[in-house]
Protein backbone atom coordinates (compact mmCIF):
# COMPACT_ATOMS: atom_id res chain seq x y z
CA MET A 1 -10.06 -18.37 12.43
CA ARG A 2 -13.54 -18.62 10.90
CA ARG A 3 -12.94 -22.29 10.18
CA LEU A 4 -11.82 -22.92 13.77
CA THR A 5 -14.84 -21.09 15.16
CA HIS A 6 -17.11 -23.20 12.96
CA TYR A 7 -15.48 -26.39 14.24
CA SER A 8 -15.97 -25.28 17.84
CA SER A 9 -19.59 -24.24 17.32
CA LYS A 10 -20.48 -27.45 15.47
CA ALA A 11 -18.76 -29.53 18.12
CA GLN A 12 -20.72 -27.81 20.89
CA THR A 13 -23.99 -28.73 19.16
CA LEU A 14 -22.87 -32.34 18.83
CA VAL A 15 -21.76 -32.54 22.46
CA SER A 16 -25.16 -31.27 23.59
CA GLN A 17 -27.01 -33.86 21.48
CA ARG A 18 -25.43 -36.88 23.24
CA VAL A 19 -27.02 -39.33 20.77
CA GLY A 20 -25.72 -41.73 18.14
CA ASP A 21 -22.22 -40.83 17.00
CA SER A 22 -22.50 -37.17 17.98
CA LEU A 23 -19.76 -37.32 20.63
CA PRO A 24 -17.14 -39.15 18.50
CA ARG A 25 -17.88 -36.65 15.71
CA ALA A 26 -17.46 -33.73 18.12
CA ILE A 27 -14.17 -35.15 19.38
CA ALA A 28 -12.88 -35.53 15.82
CA LEU A 29 -13.76 -31.90 15.03
CA LEU A 30 -12.12 -30.62 18.20
CA LYS A 31 -8.97 -32.65 17.66
CA GLU A 32 -8.73 -31.15 14.18
CA ALA A 33 -9.22 -27.66 15.61
CA THR A 34 -6.44 -28.17 18.16
CA ARG A 35 -4.20 -29.58 15.42
CA LEU A 36 -4.74 -26.48 13.29
CA ASP A 37 -4.23 -24.18 16.28
CA PRO A 38 -2.53 -25.85 19.29
CA ASN A 39 -3.19 -22.68 21.33
CA PHE A 40 -6.98 -22.68 20.80
CA ALA A 41 -7.94 -22.90 24.48
CA ARG A 42 -11.68 -23.08 23.87
CA ALA A 43 -11.28 -26.13 21.65
CA TRP A 44 -9.11 -27.85 24.26
CA GLY A 45 -11.74 -27.12 26.92
CA LYS A 46 -14.58 -28.47 24.80
CA LEU A 47 -12.48 -31.50 23.91
CA ALA A 48 -12.02 -32.22 27.62
CA VAL A 49 -15.78 -32.01 28.15
CA ALA A 50 -16.57 -34.29 25.21
CA LEU A 51 -13.99 -36.89 26.21
CA ALA A 52 -15.13 -36.88 29.83
CA VAL A 53 -18.75 -37.70 29.01
CA GLU A 54 -18.25 -39.91 25.94
CA PRO A 55 -18.16 -43.36 27.65
CA GLN A 56 -21.70 -42.89 28.94
CA TYR A 57 -23.01 -42.65 25.37
CA SER A 58 -20.55 -44.70 23.30
CA GLY A 59 -18.21 -47.64 23.60
CA ALA A 60 -15.30 -45.54 24.85
CA ASP A 61 -13.28 -46.77 27.83
CA TRP A 62 -13.69 -44.78 31.07
CA GLN A 63 -10.05 -44.97 32.17
CA THR A 64 -8.69 -44.00 28.75
CA ASN A 65 -11.07 -41.09 28.39
CA TRP A 66 -10.49 -39.80 31.93
CA ALA A 67 -6.76 -39.56 31.21
CA ALA A 68 -7.26 -37.90 27.81
CA ALA A 69 -9.88 -35.48 29.14
CA GLU A 70 -7.69 -34.48 32.08
CA LYS A 71 -4.78 -33.83 29.73
CA ALA A 72 -6.95 -31.69 27.41
CA ALA A 73 -8.38 -29.72 30.36
CA HIS A 74 -4.95 -28.90 31.76
CA ARG A 75 -3.78 -27.91 28.27
CA ALA A 76 -6.71 -25.46 28.06
CA ILE A 77 -5.89 -24.01 31.49
CA ASP A 78 -2.21 -23.64 30.59
CA ILE A 79 -3.27 -21.49 27.63
CA ASP A 80 -6.13 -19.69 29.37
CA ALA A 81 -6.35 -19.82 33.17
CA LYS A 82 -9.97 -18.67 32.90
CA SER A 83 -11.24 -21.62 30.88
CA ALA A 84 -14.54 -22.37 32.60
CA GLU A 85 -15.15 -25.44 30.45
CA ALA A 86 -11.80 -26.94 31.37
CA TYR A 87 -12.51 -26.63 35.10
CA THR A 88 -15.98 -28.02 34.47
CA ALA A 89 -14.44 -31.06 32.81
CA LEU A 90 -12.05 -31.57 35.73
CA GLY A 91 -15.02 -31.47 38.10
CA TYR A 92 -16.86 -34.03 36.01
CA ILE A 93 -13.80 -36.30 35.89
CA ASP A 94 -13.65 -36.23 39.70
CA PHE A 95 -17.41 -36.89 39.77
CA SER A 96 -17.04 -39.88 37.44
CA ARG A 97 -14.12 -41.21 39.45
CA ARG A 98 -16.28 -40.99 42.58
CA ARG A 99 -14.14 -38.30 44.15
CA TYR A 100 -17.20 -36.55 45.45
CA ARG A 101 -15.55 -34.17 47.88
CA GLU A 102 -12.84 -33.26 45.37
CA MET A 103 -15.32 -32.51 42.56
CA VAL A 104 -16.69 -29.45 44.33
CA GLU A 105 -13.69 -27.12 43.95
CA PRO A 106 -13.21 -27.26 40.15
CA ALA A 107 -16.96 -27.05 39.57
CA GLN A 108 -17.23 -23.97 41.77
CA ARG A 109 -14.16 -22.43 40.13
CA ALA A 110 -15.81 -22.81 36.72
CA ILE A 111 -18.89 -20.94 37.97
CA ALA A 112 -16.72 -18.23 39.52
CA ILE A 113 -14.98 -17.73 36.17
CA ASP A 114 -18.24 -17.51 34.21
CA PRO A 115 -21.48 -17.59 36.24
CA ASN A 116 -23.54 -17.89 33.05
CA ASP A 117 -21.58 -20.61 31.28
CA VAL A 118 -24.04 -23.25 30.06
CA THR A 119 -21.72 -26.23 30.52
CA ALA A 120 -20.50 -25.13 33.97
CA ASN A 121 -24.04 -24.64 35.25
CA PHE A 122 -25.39 -27.81 33.68
CA TRP A 123 -22.71 -30.03 35.17
CA LEU A 124 -22.90 -28.35 38.56
CA ALA A 125 -26.64 -29.06 38.43
CA ASN A 126 -25.73 -32.64 37.49
CA GLN A 127 -23.58 -32.99 40.59
CA LEU A 128 -26.21 -31.48 42.88
CA ALA A 129 -28.94 -33.73 41.47
CA ALA A 130 -26.84 -36.84 42.01
CA MET A 131 -26.08 -35.81 45.59
CA GLY A 132 -29.80 -35.39 46.26
CA ARG A 133 -29.84 -31.59 46.47
CA ILE A 134 -32.82 -31.30 44.17
CA ALA A 135 -34.06 -27.80 45.02
CA GLU A 136 -30.59 -26.31 44.45
CA THR A 137 -30.30 -28.30 41.24
CA GLU A 138 -33.21 -26.48 39.68
CA THR A 139 -31.80 -23.04 40.51
CA VAL A 140 -28.47 -23.87 38.89
CA ASN A 141 -30.04 -25.65 35.91
CA ASP A 142 -32.26 -22.63 35.32
CA ARG A 143 -29.14 -20.50 34.85
CA ALA A 144 -28.03 -22.87 32.09
CA LEU A 145 -31.49 -22.75 30.57
CA ALA A 146 -31.53 -18.95 30.60
CA ALA A 147 -28.25 -18.95 28.67
CA ASP A 148 -29.42 -21.59 26.17
CA PRO A 149 -33.24 -21.89 26.14
CA ALA A 150 -33.31 -24.48 23.35
CA ASN A 151 -30.75 -26.87 24.85
CA ASP A 152 -32.67 -30.15 24.94
CA LEU A 153 -30.35 -31.75 27.51
CA VAL A 154 -30.81 -28.86 29.94
CA ILE A 155 -34.58 -28.97 29.37
CA PHE A 156 -34.54 -32.69 30.12
CA TYR A 157 -32.81 -32.09 33.45
CA LYS A 158 -35.41 -29.45 34.22
CA ALA A 159 -38.10 -32.06 33.49
CA MET A 160 -36.43 -34.60 35.79
CA GLY A 161 -36.18 -32.02 38.54
CA ARG A 162 -39.87 -31.18 38.24
CA TRP A 163 -40.69 -34.90 38.36
CA ASP A 164 -38.61 -35.34 41.50
CA MET A 165 -40.36 -32.35 43.08
CA GLY A 166 -43.79 -33.85 42.34
CA ASP A 167 -44.74 -31.38 39.60
CA LYS A 168 -45.88 -34.00 37.13
CA ALA A 169 -47.69 -31.67 34.72
CA THR A 170 -44.66 -29.45 34.14
CA ALA A 171 -42.33 -32.45 33.96
CA VAL A 172 -44.41 -34.01 31.18
CA LYS A 173 -44.68 -30.71 29.30
CA LEU A 174 -40.91 -30.26 29.38
CA ALA A 175 -40.27 -33.89 28.42
CA LYS A 176 -42.47 -33.50 25.36
CA ARG A 177 -40.56 -30.35 24.47
CA THR A 178 -37.28 -32.29 24.46
CA GLU A 179 -38.86 -34.80 22.10
CA ALA A 180 -40.01 -31.98 19.82
CA LEU A 181 -36.39 -30.78 19.73
CA GLY A 182 -35.30 -34.23 18.56
CA SER A 183 -33.97 -35.63 21.84
CA PRO A 184 -35.04 -39.08 23.09
CA PHE A 185 -34.27 -38.40 26.77
CA GLY A 186 -37.71 -37.04 27.60
CA GLY A 187 -38.96 -40.59 27.19
CA LEU A 188 -37.64 -41.36 30.67
CA VAL A 189 -40.00 -38.86 32.30
CA LEU A 190 -42.88 -39.81 30.00
CA GLY A 191 -42.36 -43.46 30.91
CA PHE A 192 -42.46 -42.80 34.65
CA SER A 193 -45.52 -40.60 34.18
CA ALA A 194 -47.41 -43.25 32.18
CA ALA A 195 -46.64 -45.87 34.82
CA ALA A 196 -47.89 -43.53 37.53
CA ASP A 197 -51.11 -43.18 35.52
CA GLY A 198 -51.55 -46.96 35.48
CA ASP A 199 -50.24 -47.60 31.96
CA PRO A 200 -46.86 -49.32 32.39
CA ASP A 201 -46.96 -50.83 28.90
CA SER A 202 -47.03 -47.40 27.28
CA GLY A 203 -44.49 -46.26 29.85
CA ALA A 204 -42.18 -49.12 28.92
CA GLU A 205 -42.12 -47.99 25.30
CA SER A 206 -41.28 -44.39 26.25
CA PHE A 207 -38.71 -45.44 28.83
CA SER A 208 -36.91 -47.77 26.43
CA GLN A 209 -36.64 -44.95 23.87
CA GLY A 210 -35.18 -42.56 26.43
CA PHE A 211 -32.88 -44.96 28.27
CA GLY A 212 -31.85 -46.55 24.98
CA ALA A 213 -29.94 -43.39 24.10
CA PHE A 214 -27.28 -44.39 26.64
CA LYS A 215 -24.61 -46.92 25.69
CA SER A 216 -25.49 -50.28 27.14
CA GLY A 217 -25.80 -53.90 26.12
CA PHE A 218 -29.54 -53.87 26.74
CA SER A 219 -31.80 -53.78 23.70
CA LYS A 220 -34.87 -51.57 23.73
CA GLU A 221 -37.01 -54.70 24.07
CA GLU A 222 -35.00 -55.72 27.13
CA LEU A 223 -35.27 -52.24 28.64
CA ALA A 224 -39.04 -52.37 28.15
CA ALA A 225 -39.16 -55.76 29.91
CA ILE A 226 -37.20 -54.35 32.85
CA PHE A 227 -39.53 -51.37 33.09
CA ARG A 228 -42.64 -53.58 33.01
CA GLY A 229 -41.02 -55.66 35.76
CA SER A 230 -40.72 -52.57 37.92
CA TYR A 231 -44.41 -51.70 37.66
CA GLY A 232 -45.92 -55.13 37.03
CA ASP A 233 -46.53 -58.33 38.95
CA GLU A 234 -43.89 -60.66 40.41
CA ALA A 235 -43.68 -62.72 37.22
CA LYS A 236 -42.80 -59.62 35.21
CA ARG A 237 -40.29 -58.53 37.84
CA THR A 238 -38.65 -61.96 37.71
CA ALA A 239 -38.47 -61.69 33.91
CA GLY A 240 -36.84 -58.28 34.24
CA LEU A 241 -34.27 -59.61 36.69
CA ALA A 242 -33.46 -62.42 34.27
CA VAL A 243 -32.71 -59.84 31.58
CA ILE A 244 -30.23 -58.08 33.88
CA ALA A 245 -28.68 -61.39 34.92
CA ALA A 246 -27.77 -61.91 31.26
CA HIS A 247 -25.78 -58.63 31.33
CA PRO A 248 -24.24 -58.70 34.84
CA HIS A 249 -21.36 -56.34 34.08
CA ASP A 250 -23.18 -53.86 31.87
CA GLN A 251 -22.45 -50.33 33.07
CA PHE A 252 -26.18 -49.75 33.60
CA ALA A 253 -26.92 -53.01 35.43
CA GLY A 254 -26.77 -51.37 38.86
CA THR A 255 -29.05 -48.53 37.82
CA LEU A 256 -31.64 -50.90 36.40
CA LEU A 257 -31.52 -53.09 39.50
CA LEU A 258 -32.71 -50.06 41.46
CA LEU A 259 -35.69 -49.86 39.14
CA LEU A 260 -36.55 -53.50 39.86
CA GLY A 261 -36.48 -53.01 43.61
CA GLU A 262 -33.20 -54.83 44.27
CA PRO A 263 -31.15 -52.19 46.11
CA GLU A 264 -28.64 -54.55 47.75
CA GLN A 265 -27.75 -56.16 44.41
CA SER A 266 -27.65 -52.70 42.86
CA PHE A 267 -25.23 -51.29 45.44
CA ALA A 268 -22.95 -54.31 45.01
CA SER A 269 -23.01 -53.97 41.22
CA PHE A 270 -22.18 -50.27 41.30
CA GLU A 271 -19.27 -50.75 43.69
CA ARG A 272 -17.90 -53.81 41.93
CA ASP A 273 -17.73 -52.52 38.38
CA GLY A 274 -16.27 -49.08 39.10
CA ILE A 275 -17.87 -47.35 36.14
CA GLY A 276 -18.19 -43.57 35.93
CA LEU A 277 -21.95 -43.26 35.97
CA SER A 278 -22.33 -41.30 39.20
CA ASP A 279 -24.87 -38.95 37.60
CA ALA A 280 -27.02 -41.61 35.93
CA TYR A 281 -26.93 -43.90 38.97
CA TYR A 282 -27.58 -41.54 41.85
CA THR A 283 -30.35 -39.54 40.19
CA PHE A 284 -32.43 -42.73 40.37
CA LEU A 285 -32.16 -42.62 44.17
CA TRP A 286 -34.17 -39.42 44.59
CA GLN A 287 -37.32 -40.10 42.59
CA PRO A 288 -40.84 -40.18 44.06
CA ASP A 289 -41.40 -43.78 42.91
CA ALA A 290 -41.72 -46.65 45.40
CA TRP A 291 -38.62 -48.47 44.06
CA SER A 292 -36.52 -45.35 44.61
CA ARG A 293 -37.82 -44.81 48.13
CA LYS A 294 -37.11 -48.47 48.89
CA ALA A 295 -33.46 -48.03 47.87
CA ARG A 296 -32.75 -44.96 49.98
CA GLN A 297 -34.55 -46.45 53.00
CA TYR A 298 -32.95 -49.87 52.63
CA PRO A 299 -30.71 -50.69 55.63
CA ALA A 300 -27.69 -51.48 53.41
CA PHE A 301 -27.82 -47.97 51.95
CA GLN A 302 -26.26 -46.60 55.14
CA ALA A 303 -23.03 -48.58 54.78
CA PHE A 304 -22.98 -48.22 50.99
CA ALA A 305 -23.26 -44.43 51.21
CA LYS A 306 -20.38 -44.33 53.67
CA ARG A 307 -18.12 -46.66 51.68
CA ILE A 308 -18.72 -44.94 48.36
CA GLY A 309 -18.07 -41.43 49.71
CA LEU A 310 -21.57 -39.96 49.76
CA VAL A 311 -21.68 -39.46 53.53
CA ASP A 312 -18.32 -37.68 53.54
CA TYR A 313 -19.57 -35.39 50.76
CA TRP A 314 -22.83 -34.69 52.59
CA LYS A 315 -21.07 -33.92 55.87
CA GLN A 316 -18.65 -31.54 54.11
CA ASN A 317 -21.31 -29.81 52.01
CA ARG A 318 -25.00 -30.40 52.56
CA TRP A 319 -27.29 -33.36 53.20
CA PRO A 320 -29.80 -34.46 50.51
CA ASP A 321 -33.24 -32.89 50.56
CA LEU A 322 -34.75 -36.28 51.44
CA CYS A 323 -32.25 -37.32 54.14
CA GLN A 324 -31.07 -35.93 57.43
CA PRO A 325 -28.31 -36.95 59.83
CA THR A 326 -29.17 -38.81 63.03
CA PRO A 327 -26.07 -38.26 65.20
CA GLU A 328 -27.70 -39.93 68.16
CA ARG A 329 -27.38 -43.21 66.23
CA GLY A 330 -23.75 -42.65 65.22
CA PRO A 331 -21.52 -40.03 63.55
CA ASP A 332 -22.38 -41.23 60.02
CA ALA A 333 -25.98 -42.31 60.55
CA PHE A 334 -28.88 -40.75 58.68
CA ILE A 335 -32.50 -41.33 57.78
CA CYS A 336 -34.21 -40.79 54.43
CA GLN A 337 -37.82 -40.16 53.46
């Protein structure tokens, strides 16, 4: 039992790191734990979580991992009906598959089982952030942070939330804390902050370090060029677009097109390629930057949001902080700040 507990604890640390080969290593440990004890529900639940998120950070295939994660989650629930992590994984799988209305129930069930579970709160916060419910995101993320104050991924999401809310000083402080803990993700916030201060070159370096932790075909030099294109002149923007044109089907192409102020191309890319990056993609829609505001105010966003399922989610749950319905213009019409 001590060996199994060690595997589970080590795997949790690796899953939280989300860098390098940490997720494949976590999956290997958890598969070994479930081999040694096929009735170890906690290991099955953690395995479901690790498999569900792995494609965002490694070369794993979304479809293959969705199927494996779903199987592991249901195995955990069969053993222990109160496996919060397993329900959390099912919610994330729905989220990745763009089943936005369906993702709510398993995520809420996980919280009902264990209101203080770090993973359940973090991924619920992830969903809320993507759907534009930024103020609620912080409340939920703070529960995760209270349970695990040194979790660099949770701290990073706190930093992003503070940035979105306009609290630049706190966002930067938290981003630097994630770096001190060994995580590169704070570089995203530090990059945006440097650009806002008029130093996009420094920002490009920070951004490329942070964004480079995700699995994509873009080199750090290419990511820096894209960032400079977002905050530079038209020549730099054209150079950034050329970089993306060389990787048209990269899973992050749509996200980076938002950054370069090309919302219509971005929406088309996201719909066409069907990747599972709902969290990474939509969080870029709610930032205070001009390129983000352009995307959510772009006329084509109305039809995109309806087709992709965002409007149905918002009508069933709650509208984003920055948008409100305009029923006088039609049953699905809205306006965003």
